[in-house]
Amino acid sequence: MPEEKEQPKGVAQRNVGHRFHEGHPRFGGRKKRTAQQARALADEMGVDPLVFMLGLLKSDVIDQTVIENGKQKKVKVTVPLDVRLDAAKTVINYMYPRLNSTAVTGADDGPLAVATVDLTSILAHPEICRAAEDLAMQLAEADIAALDAAESGPQPKLLEAEYTD
């Protein structure tokens, strides 16, 4: 069993598990405000990547600068379908939420068991139908009362002596 080393007296004791001395420069980790800095830089340059990609989707051609014989000139260039599809895949993430898929399984990762109820015999008799409706309403009211009680917190209980006159 290795012996425990005593820490030097000059090391800060606040964070015992930390292996660097106080004031040591931090390396790695998440860089803060990178998205904010990128937006600020795009605003400063007067560009918007989302608008550019939407422009690729809207038009079959884009203006491109070509240098011929030392002179710049603008030419129209067709946008290939695969580039337009890639732009659409990127832009769609900003416009529609991504749906998560959840596997729904029954007991022991088996199929779901579906319960069916035949209500024809209940609906055939009006008095049984009314009784079922009353029961359903009482159950719903009990659920609402339980929710209200849970939201309002515990209620004080009255002692038996308070009930008598």
N, C-alpha and C. Protein backbone atom coordinates (compact mmCIF):
# COMPACT_ATOMS: atom_id res chain seq x y z
N MET A 1 0.85 -1.17 0.00
CA MET A 1 0.00 0.00 0.00
C MET A 1 0.89 1.23 0.00
N PRO A 2 0.73 2.11 -0.99
CA PRO A 2 1.62 3.28 -1.06
C PRO A 2 1.34 4.26 0.07
N GLU A 3 2.40 4.91 0.49
CA GLU A 3 2.26 5.89 1.57
C GLU A 3 1.69 7.17 1.01
N GLU A 4 0.88 7.87 1.82
CA GLU A 4 0.31 9.14 1.41
C GLU A 4 1.37 10.22 1.58
N LYS A 5 1.50 11.05 0.55
CA LYS A 5 2.46 12.14 0.63
C LYS A 5 1.83 13.34 1.30
N GLU A 6 2.60 14.02 2.07
CA GLU A 6 2.12 15.25 2.68
C GLU A 6 2.22 16.36 1.65
N GLN A 7 1.18 17.22 1.63
CA GLN A 7 1.21 18.33 0.69
C GLN A 7 2.14 19.41 1.20
N PRO A 8 2.83 20.08 0.26
CA PRO A 8 3.68 21.20 0.69
C PRO A 8 2.84 22.28 1.36
N LYS A 9 3.44 23.03 2.23
CA LYS A 9 2.70 24.03 3.00
C LYS A 9 2.29 25.22 2.16
N GLY A 10 2.92 25.50 1.03
CA GLY A 10 2.59 26.66 0.21
C GLY A 10 1.43 26.43 -0.75
N VAL A 11 0.88 25.21 -0.82
CA VAL A 11 -0.19 24.91 -1.76
C VAL A 11 -1.53 25.26 -1.13
N ALA A 12 -2.40 25.87 -1.93
CA ALA A 12 -3.72 26.26 -1.43
C ALA A 12 -4.52 25.01 -1.08
N GLN A 13 -5.24 25.04 0.04
CA GLN A 13 -5.99 23.87 0.51
C GLN A 13 -7.47 23.94 0.15
N ARG A 14 -7.91 24.96 -0.58
CA ARG A 14 -9.33 25.08 -0.90
C ARG A 14 -9.82 23.88 -1.69
N ASN A 15 -9.17 23.59 -2.78
CA ASN A 15 -9.57 22.48 -3.65
C ASN A 15 -8.50 21.41 -3.54
N VAL A 16 -8.70 20.48 -2.64
CA VAL A 16 -7.67 19.50 -2.31
C VAL A 16 -7.35 18.62 -3.50
N GLY A 17 -8.35 18.30 -4.35
CA GLY A 17 -8.12 17.42 -5.48
C GLY A 17 -7.45 18.09 -6.66
N HIS A 18 -7.29 19.40 -6.63
CA HIS A 18 -6.71 20.12 -7.77
C HIS A 18 -5.20 19.96 -7.74
N ARG A 19 -4.61 19.69 -8.90
CA ARG A 19 -3.19 19.39 -8.92
C ARG A 19 -2.30 20.57 -9.28
N PHE A 20 -2.88 21.71 -9.64
CA PHE A 20 -2.09 22.88 -9.99
C PHE A 20 -2.13 23.88 -8.85
N HIS A 21 -1.09 24.68 -8.77
CA HIS A 21 -1.05 25.70 -7.74
C HIS A 21 -1.97 26.86 -8.13
N GLU A 22 -2.33 27.68 -7.18
CA GLU A 22 -3.25 28.78 -7.41
C GLU A 22 -2.63 29.77 -8.39
N GLY A 23 -3.43 30.22 -9.36
CA GLY A 23 -2.94 31.16 -10.35
C GLY A 23 -2.34 30.51 -11.58
N HIS A 24 -2.32 29.18 -11.64
CA HIS A 24 -1.78 28.47 -12.80
C HIS A 24 -2.67 28.72 -14.01
N PRO A 25 -2.08 29.00 -15.20
CA PRO A 25 -2.93 29.24 -16.38
C PRO A 25 -3.71 27.99 -16.75
N ARG A 26 -4.93 28.18 -17.21
CA ARG A 26 -5.79 27.07 -17.56
C ARG A 26 -5.69 26.79 -19.05
N PHE A 27 -5.56 25.51 -19.39
CA PHE A 27 -5.49 25.10 -20.78
C PHE A 27 -6.65 24.14 -21.06
N GLY A 28 -7.14 24.15 -22.30
CA GLY A 28 -8.21 23.23 -22.68
C GLY A 28 -9.54 23.71 -22.15
N GLY A 29 -10.52 22.85 -22.22
CA GLY A 29 -11.86 23.19 -21.75
C GLY A 29 -12.63 23.94 -22.80
N ARG A 30 -13.84 24.34 -22.44
CA ARG A 30 -14.72 25.04 -23.37
C ARG A 30 -14.29 26.49 -23.51
N LYS A 31 -14.23 26.95 -24.73
CA LYS A 31 -13.93 28.35 -24.99
C LYS A 31 -15.22 29.14 -24.88
N LYS A 32 -15.22 30.16 -24.09
CA LYS A 32 -16.43 30.93 -23.84
C LYS A 32 -16.70 31.92 -24.97
N ARG A 33 -17.98 32.14 -25.25
CA ARG A 33 -18.48 33.15 -26.17
C ARG A 33 -18.01 32.97 -27.61
N THR A 34 -17.69 31.77 -28.05
CA THR A 34 -17.23 31.60 -29.43
C THR A 34 -18.35 31.87 -30.42
N ALA A 35 -19.58 31.46 -30.15
CA ALA A 35 -20.69 31.72 -31.06
C ALA A 35 -20.98 33.22 -31.10
N GLN A 36 -20.92 33.87 -29.94
CA GLN A 36 -21.15 35.30 -29.88
C GLN A 36 -20.07 36.06 -30.67
N GLN A 37 -18.83 35.62 -30.55
CA GLN A 37 -17.75 36.26 -31.29
C GLN A 37 -17.91 36.04 -32.80
N ALA A 38 -18.36 34.84 -33.19
CA ALA A 38 -18.56 34.55 -34.61
C ALA A 38 -19.67 35.43 -35.18
N ARG A 39 -20.77 35.62 -34.42
CA ARG A 39 -21.85 36.49 -34.89
C ARG A 39 -21.38 37.93 -35.03
N ALA A 40 -20.60 38.39 -34.06
CA ALA A 40 -20.08 39.76 -34.11
C ALA A 40 -19.17 39.95 -35.31
N LEU A 41 -18.32 38.96 -35.59
CA LEU A 41 -17.43 39.04 -36.74
C LEU A 41 -18.21 39.03 -38.05
N ALA A 42 -19.25 38.18 -38.14
CA ALA A 42 -20.08 38.15 -39.35
C ALA A 42 -20.80 39.48 -39.55
N ASP A 43 -21.29 40.08 -38.46
CA ASP A 43 -21.94 41.39 -38.57
C ASP A 43 -20.94 42.44 -39.03
N GLU A 44 -19.73 42.38 -38.49
CA GLU A 44 -18.68 43.35 -38.87
C GLU A 44 -18.32 43.21 -40.35
N MET A 45 -18.28 41.98 -40.84
CA MET A 45 -17.93 41.76 -42.25
C MET A 45 -19.13 41.95 -43.18
N GLY A 46 -20.33 42.02 -42.61
CA GLY A 46 -21.52 42.22 -43.43
C GLY A 46 -21.96 40.96 -44.16
N VAL A 47 -21.73 39.80 -43.56
CA VAL A 47 -22.13 38.53 -44.18
C VAL A 47 -23.07 37.79 -43.24
N ASP A 48 -23.89 36.94 -43.83
CA ASP A 48 -24.78 36.09 -43.06
C ASP A 48 -24.80 34.73 -43.73
N PRO A 49 -24.18 33.71 -43.12
CA PRO A 49 -24.11 32.39 -43.76
C PRO A 49 -25.48 31.77 -44.01
N LEU A 50 -26.43 32.02 -43.14
CA LEU A 50 -27.77 31.47 -43.34
C LEU A 50 -28.43 32.07 -44.58
N VAL A 51 -28.28 33.35 -44.76
CA VAL A 51 -28.84 34.01 -45.95
C VAL A 51 -28.15 33.47 -47.21
N PHE A 52 -26.84 33.25 -47.15
CA PHE A 52 -26.11 32.72 -48.30
C PHE A 52 -26.63 31.33 -48.68
N MET A 53 -26.79 30.46 -47.66
CA MET A 53 -27.26 29.10 -47.97
C MET A 53 -28.70 29.10 -48.47
N LEU A 54 -29.53 29.98 -47.93
CA LEU A 54 -30.89 30.08 -48.44
C LEU A 54 -30.88 30.60 -49.88
N GLY A 55 -29.93 31.47 -50.20
CA GLY A 55 -29.79 31.93 -51.58
C GLY A 55 -29.39 30.80 -52.52
N LEU A 56 -28.55 29.87 -52.03
CA LEU A 56 -28.19 28.71 -52.85
C LEU A 56 -29.42 27.85 -53.13
N LEU A 57 -30.30 27.74 -52.16
CA LEU A 57 -31.51 26.94 -52.36
C LEU A 57 -32.48 27.60 -53.32
N LYS A 58 -32.52 28.93 -53.28
CA LYS A 58 -33.50 29.66 -54.07
C LYS A 58 -33.15 29.69 -55.55
N SER A 59 -31.88 29.76 -55.88
CA SER A 59 -31.48 29.97 -57.26
C SER A 59 -30.60 28.82 -57.75
N ASP A 60 -30.68 28.56 -59.04
CA ASP A 60 -29.82 27.55 -59.65
C ASP A 60 -28.43 28.07 -59.97
N VAL A 61 -28.28 29.40 -59.98
CA VAL A 61 -26.99 30.01 -60.33
C VAL A 61 -26.61 31.04 -59.27
N ILE A 62 -25.29 31.26 -59.13
CA ILE A 62 -24.80 32.31 -58.24
C ILE A 62 -23.77 33.13 -59.00
N ASP A 63 -23.57 34.36 -58.54
CA ASP A 63 -22.53 35.21 -59.12
C ASP A 63 -21.21 34.86 -58.45
N GLN A 64 -20.20 34.66 -59.29
CA GLN A 64 -18.88 34.34 -58.77
C GLN A 64 -17.86 35.24 -59.46
N THR A 65 -16.85 35.67 -58.70
CA THR A 65 -15.81 36.53 -59.27
C THR A 65 -14.71 35.65 -59.85
N VAL A 66 -14.35 35.94 -61.11
CA VAL A 66 -13.30 35.20 -61.80
C VAL A 66 -12.25 36.22 -62.25
N ILE A 67 -10.98 35.84 -62.12
CA ILE A 67 -9.90 36.71 -62.55
C ILE A 67 -9.34 36.15 -63.85
N GLU A 68 -9.44 36.95 -64.91
CA GLU A 68 -8.88 36.57 -66.21
C GLU A 68 -7.98 37.70 -66.69
N ASN A 69 -6.75 37.36 -67.05
CA ASN A 69 -5.77 38.34 -67.53
C ASN A 69 -5.59 39.49 -66.54
N GLY A 70 -5.61 39.17 -65.24
CA GLY A 70 -5.39 40.19 -64.22
C GLY A 70 -6.59 41.06 -63.95
N LYS A 71 -7.73 40.78 -64.57
CA LYS A 71 -8.92 41.59 -64.36
C LYS A 71 -10.02 40.74 -63.72
N GLN A 72 -10.75 41.36 -62.81
CA GLN A 72 -11.85 40.67 -62.17
C GLN A 72 -13.12 40.87 -62.98
N LYS A 73 -13.90 39.81 -63.08
CA LYS A 73 -15.21 39.96 -63.69
C LYS A 73 -16.15 38.96 -63.04
N LYS A 74 -17.41 39.33 -63.00
CA LYS A 74 -18.43 38.48 -62.39
C LYS A 74 -19.04 37.60 -63.47
N VAL A 75 -19.15 36.32 -63.13
CA VAL A 75 -19.79 35.37 -64.04
C VAL A 75 -20.84 34.60 -63.24
N LYS A 76 -21.83 34.11 -63.93
CA LYS A 76 -22.86 33.29 -63.30
C LYS A 76 -22.42 31.84 -63.41
N VAL A 77 -22.45 31.14 -62.26
CA VAL A 77 -22.02 29.75 -62.19
C VAL A 77 -23.21 28.93 -61.67
N THR A 78 -23.44 27.78 -62.30
CA THR A 78 -24.53 26.93 -61.83
C THR A 78 -24.14 26.26 -60.52
N VAL A 79 -25.14 26.06 -59.67
CA VAL A 79 -24.93 25.40 -58.38
C VAL A 79 -25.35 23.95 -58.54
N PRO A 80 -24.41 23.01 -58.35
CA PRO A 80 -24.76 21.59 -58.50
C PRO A 80 -25.83 21.17 -57.47
N LEU A 81 -26.58 20.15 -57.82
CA LEU A 81 -27.66 19.67 -56.97
C LEU A 81 -27.13 19.19 -55.62
N ASP A 82 -25.99 18.51 -55.57
CA ASP A 82 -25.48 18.01 -54.29
C ASP A 82 -25.11 19.15 -53.35
N VAL A 83 -24.64 20.27 -53.88
CA VAL A 83 -24.33 21.43 -53.05
C VAL A 83 -25.62 22.03 -52.49
N ARG A 84 -26.64 22.09 -53.32
CA ARG A 84 -27.93 22.63 -52.88
C ARG A 84 -28.56 21.73 -51.81
N LEU A 85 -28.42 20.42 -51.98
CA LEU A 85 -28.96 19.49 -50.98
C LEU A 85 -28.21 19.63 -49.65
N ASP A 86 -26.89 19.79 -49.70
CA ASP A 86 -26.12 19.99 -48.47
C ASP A 86 -26.53 21.29 -47.77
N ALA A 87 -26.78 22.34 -48.56
CA ALA A 87 -27.24 23.60 -47.98
C ALA A 87 -28.61 23.41 -47.33
N ALA A 88 -29.49 22.66 -47.98
CA ALA A 88 -30.82 22.41 -47.42
C ALA A 88 -30.72 21.63 -46.12
N LYS A 89 -29.83 20.63 -46.07
CA LYS A 89 -29.67 19.84 -44.84
C LYS A 89 -29.16 20.70 -43.69
N THR A 90 -28.31 21.66 -44.00
CA THR A 90 -27.77 22.53 -42.96
C THR A 90 -28.81 23.54 -42.49
N VAL A 91 -29.53 24.14 -43.44
CA VAL A 91 -30.50 25.18 -43.11
C VAL A 91 -31.71 24.61 -42.37
N ILE A 92 -32.09 23.39 -42.66
CA ILE A 92 -33.29 22.83 -42.04
C ILE A 92 -33.16 22.73 -40.53
N ASN A 93 -31.95 22.59 -40.03
CA ASN A 93 -31.75 22.52 -38.58
C ASN A 93 -32.09 23.83 -37.88
N TYR A 94 -32.05 24.94 -38.61
CA TYR A 94 -32.38 26.24 -38.04
C TYR A 94 -33.87 26.54 -38.15
N MET A 95 -34.58 25.81 -38.98
CA MET A 95 -35.98 26.13 -39.24
C MET A 95 -36.96 25.17 -38.58
N TYR A 96 -36.57 23.92 -38.41
CA TYR A 96 -37.47 22.93 -37.84
C TYR A 96 -36.74 22.17 -36.74
N PRO A 97 -37.43 21.92 -35.62
CA PRO A 97 -36.77 21.16 -34.56
C PRO A 97 -36.54 19.73 -34.99
N ARG A 98 -35.44 19.19 -34.53
CA ARG A 98 -35.12 17.79 -34.84
C ARG A 98 -35.95 16.89 -33.93
N LEU A 99 -36.59 15.90 -34.51
CA LEU A 99 -37.43 14.99 -33.75
C LEU A 99 -36.57 13.87 -33.18
N ASN A 100 -36.79 13.59 -31.92
CA ASN A 100 -36.08 12.48 -31.28
C ASN A 100 -36.95 11.24 -31.36
N SER A 101 -36.34 10.14 -31.63
CA SER A 101 -37.10 8.90 -31.67
C SER A 101 -36.92 8.16 -30.35
N THR A 102 -38.00 7.63 -29.85
CA THR A 102 -37.98 6.89 -28.60
C THR A 102 -38.60 5.53 -28.86
N ALA A 103 -37.87 4.49 -28.52
CA ALA A 103 -38.40 3.14 -28.70
C ALA A 103 -39.33 2.83 -27.54
N VAL A 104 -40.54 2.45 -27.87
CA VAL A 104 -41.53 2.10 -26.86
C VAL A 104 -41.69 0.59 -26.89
N THR A 105 -41.37 -0.04 -25.77
CA THR A 105 -41.46 -1.50 -25.71
C THR A 105 -42.24 -1.89 -24.47
N GLY A 106 -42.66 -3.12 -24.46
CA GLY A 106 -43.39 -3.67 -23.32
C GLY A 106 -42.43 -4.25 -22.31
N ALA A 107 -42.96 -5.14 -21.48
CA ALA A 107 -42.17 -5.77 -20.43
C ALA A 107 -41.05 -6.61 -21.05
N ASP A 108 -39.88 -6.55 -20.47
CA ASP A 108 -38.69 -7.29 -20.93
C ASP A 108 -38.37 -7.01 -22.40
N ASP A 109 -38.52 -5.75 -22.80
CA ASP A 109 -38.24 -5.30 -24.18
C ASP A 109 -39.07 -6.06 -25.21
N GLY A 110 -40.21 -6.54 -24.82
CA GLY A 110 -41.09 -7.26 -25.74
C GLY A 110 -42.11 -6.30 -26.35
N PRO A 111 -43.07 -6.84 -27.07
CA PRO A 111 -44.10 -5.98 -27.69
C PRO A 111 -45.03 -5.40 -26.62
N LEU A 112 -45.67 -4.30 -26.99
CA LEU A 112 -46.62 -3.68 -26.08
C LEU A 112 -47.89 -4.51 -26.00
N ALA A 113 -48.45 -4.59 -24.81
CA ALA A 113 -49.74 -5.25 -24.64
C ALA A 113 -50.82 -4.18 -24.69
N VAL A 114 -51.79 -4.35 -25.57
CA VAL A 114 -52.85 -3.38 -25.74
C VAL A 114 -54.13 -3.96 -25.15
N ALA A 115 -54.72 -3.19 -24.23
CA ALA A 115 -55.96 -3.64 -23.61
C ALA A 115 -57.13 -3.03 -24.37
N THR A 116 -58.12 -3.84 -24.69
CA THR A 116 -59.32 -3.35 -25.37
C THR A 116 -60.52 -3.61 -24.47
N VAL A 117 -61.47 -2.69 -24.52
CA VAL A 117 -62.68 -2.80 -23.72
C VAL A 117 -63.87 -2.71 -24.66
N ASP A 118 -64.78 -3.66 -24.55
CA ASP A 118 -66.00 -3.65 -25.35
C ASP A 118 -67.07 -2.91 -24.57
N LEU A 119 -67.47 -1.73 -25.05
CA LEU A 119 -68.43 -0.88 -24.36
C LEU A 119 -69.85 -1.03 -24.89
N THR A 120 -70.08 -1.94 -25.81
CA THR A 120 -71.42 -2.05 -26.41
C THR A 120 -72.47 -2.45 -25.39
N SER A 121 -72.12 -3.31 -24.44
CA SER A 121 -73.11 -3.72 -23.43
C SER A 121 -73.44 -2.57 -22.48
N ILE A 122 -72.47 -1.72 -22.19
CA ILE A 122 -72.72 -0.56 -21.32
C ILE A 122 -73.57 0.46 -22.06
N LEU A 123 -73.24 0.72 -23.32
CA LEU A 123 -73.96 1.73 -24.09
C LEU A 123 -75.37 1.28 -24.45
N ALA A 124 -75.66 0.00 -24.38
CA ALA A 124 -76.99 -0.50 -24.72
C ALA A 124 -78.01 -0.15 -23.66
N HIS A 125 -77.60 0.07 -22.42
CA HIS A 125 -78.52 0.38 -21.32
C HIS A 125 -78.25 1.79 -20.83
N PRO A 126 -79.23 2.71 -20.97
CA PRO A 126 -79.01 4.12 -20.58
C PRO A 126 -78.69 4.30 -19.10
N GLU A 127 -79.29 3.50 -18.22
CA GLU A 127 -79.02 3.69 -16.79
C GLU A 127 -77.59 3.26 -16.43
N ILE A 128 -77.08 2.21 -17.06
CA ILE A 128 -75.68 1.80 -16.83
C ILE A 128 -74.73 2.84 -17.43
N CYS A 129 -75.11 3.39 -18.56
CA CYS A 129 -74.29 4.43 -19.21
C CYS A 129 -74.19 5.65 -18.30
N ARG A 130 -75.33 6.08 -17.69
CA ARG A 130 -75.31 7.22 -16.77
C ARG A 130 -74.45 6.91 -15.54
N ALA A 131 -74.54 5.70 -15.03
CA ALA A 131 -73.74 5.32 -13.86
C ALA A 131 -72.25 5.34 -14.20
N ALA A 132 -71.88 4.87 -15.39
CA ALA A 132 -70.47 4.90 -15.81
C ALA A 132 -70.00 6.33 -15.98
N GLU A 133 -70.88 7.20 -16.51
CA GLU A 133 -70.52 8.62 -16.67
C GLU A 133 -70.34 9.27 -15.31
N ASP A 134 -71.23 8.99 -14.35
CA ASP A 134 -71.09 9.55 -13.00
C ASP A 134 -69.80 9.07 -12.35
N LEU A 135 -69.48 7.80 -12.52
CA LEU A 135 -68.24 7.26 -11.96
C LEU A 135 -67.01 7.94 -12.56
N ALA A 136 -67.04 8.14 -13.88
CA ALA A 136 -65.91 8.81 -14.55
C ALA A 136 -65.76 10.24 -14.06
N MET A 137 -66.90 10.94 -13.86
CA MET A 137 -66.83 12.32 -13.37
C MET A 137 -66.29 12.36 -11.94
N GLN A 138 -66.72 11.42 -11.08
CA GLN A 138 -66.22 11.39 -9.70
C GLN A 138 -64.72 11.10 -9.66
N LEU A 139 -64.25 10.20 -10.53
CA LEU A 139 -62.81 9.92 -10.59
C LEU A 139 -62.03 11.14 -11.06
N ALA A 140 -62.57 11.87 -12.06
CA ALA A 140 -61.90 13.07 -12.56
C ALA A 140 -61.86 14.14 -11.47
N GLU A 141 -62.97 14.32 -10.75
CA GLU A 141 -62.99 15.31 -9.66
C GLU A 141 -62.02 14.93 -8.55
N ALA A 142 -61.89 13.64 -8.26
CA ALA A 142 -60.94 13.20 -7.24
C ALA A 142 -59.51 13.48 -7.68
N ASP A 143 -59.22 13.27 -8.98
CA ASP A 143 -57.88 13.58 -9.50
C ASP A 143 -57.59 15.07 -9.40
N ILE A 144 -58.58 15.91 -9.74
CA ILE A 144 -58.40 17.36 -9.66
C ILE A 144 -58.19 17.78 -8.22
N ALA A 145 -58.96 17.23 -7.30
CA ALA A 145 -58.80 17.56 -5.88
C ALA A 145 -57.42 17.15 -5.37
N ALA A 146 -56.93 15.99 -5.82
CA ALA A 146 -55.60 15.54 -5.41
C ALA A 146 -54.52 16.47 -5.95
N LEU A 147 -54.68 16.93 -7.19
CA LEU A 147 -53.72 17.88 -7.77
C LEU A 147 -53.75 19.21 -7.04
N ASP A 148 -54.96 19.70 -6.72
CA ASP A 148 -55.07 20.96 -5.98
C ASP A 148 -54.43 20.85 -4.60
N ALA A 149 -54.64 19.71 -3.94
CA ALA A 149 -54.05 19.51 -2.62
C ALA A 149 -52.53 19.45 -2.70
N ALA A 150 -52.01 18.83 -3.76
CA ALA A 150 -50.56 18.74 -3.92
C ALA A 150 -49.95 20.10 -4.20
N GLU A 151 -50.67 20.95 -4.96
CA GLU A 151 -50.15 22.28 -5.29
C GLU A 151 -50.19 23.22 -4.10
N SER A 152 -51.24 23.11 -3.27
CA SER A 152 -51.37 24.04 -2.15
C SER A 152 -50.55 23.63 -0.94
N GLY A 153 -50.02 22.43 -0.95
CA GLY A 153 -49.19 21.98 0.16
C GLY A 153 -50.03 21.31 1.23
N PRO A 154 -49.39 20.88 2.28
CA PRO A 154 -50.12 20.17 3.33
C PRO A 154 -51.06 21.11 4.08
N GLN A 155 -52.26 20.63 4.37
CA GLN A 155 -53.26 21.40 5.09
C GLN A 155 -53.18 21.05 6.59
N PRO A 156 -53.42 22.03 7.45
CA PRO A 156 -53.39 21.73 8.89
C PRO A 156 -54.55 20.81 9.26
N LYS A 157 -54.28 19.87 10.14
CA LYS A 157 -55.32 18.93 10.58
C LYS A 157 -55.95 19.47 11.85
N LEU A 158 -57.28 19.31 11.92
CA LEU A 158 -58.01 19.75 13.10
C LEU A 158 -58.01 18.63 14.15
N LEU A 159 -57.89 18.99 15.37
CA LEU A 159 -57.94 18.02 16.45
C LEU A 159 -59.39 17.67 16.75
N GLU A 160 -59.62 16.49 17.33
CA GLU A 160 -60.98 16.06 17.65
C GLU A 160 -61.64 17.00 18.63
N ALA A 161 -60.90 17.61 19.52
CA ALA A 161 -61.47 18.53 20.52
C ALA A 161 -62.09 19.75 19.84
N GLU A 162 -61.60 20.13 18.68
CA GLU A 162 -62.14 21.29 17.99
C GLU A 162 -63.48 21.00 17.35
N TYR A 163 -63.83 19.71 17.16
CA TYR A 163 -65.09 19.37 16.55
C TYR A 163 -66.25 19.45 17.53
N THR A 164 -65.98 19.29 18.80
CA THR A 164 -67.05 19.27 19.79
C THR A 164 -67.37 20.68 20.24
N ASP A 165 -68.61 20.87 20.65
CA ASP A 165 -69.03 22.20 21.12
C ASP A 165 -68.83 22.35 22.60
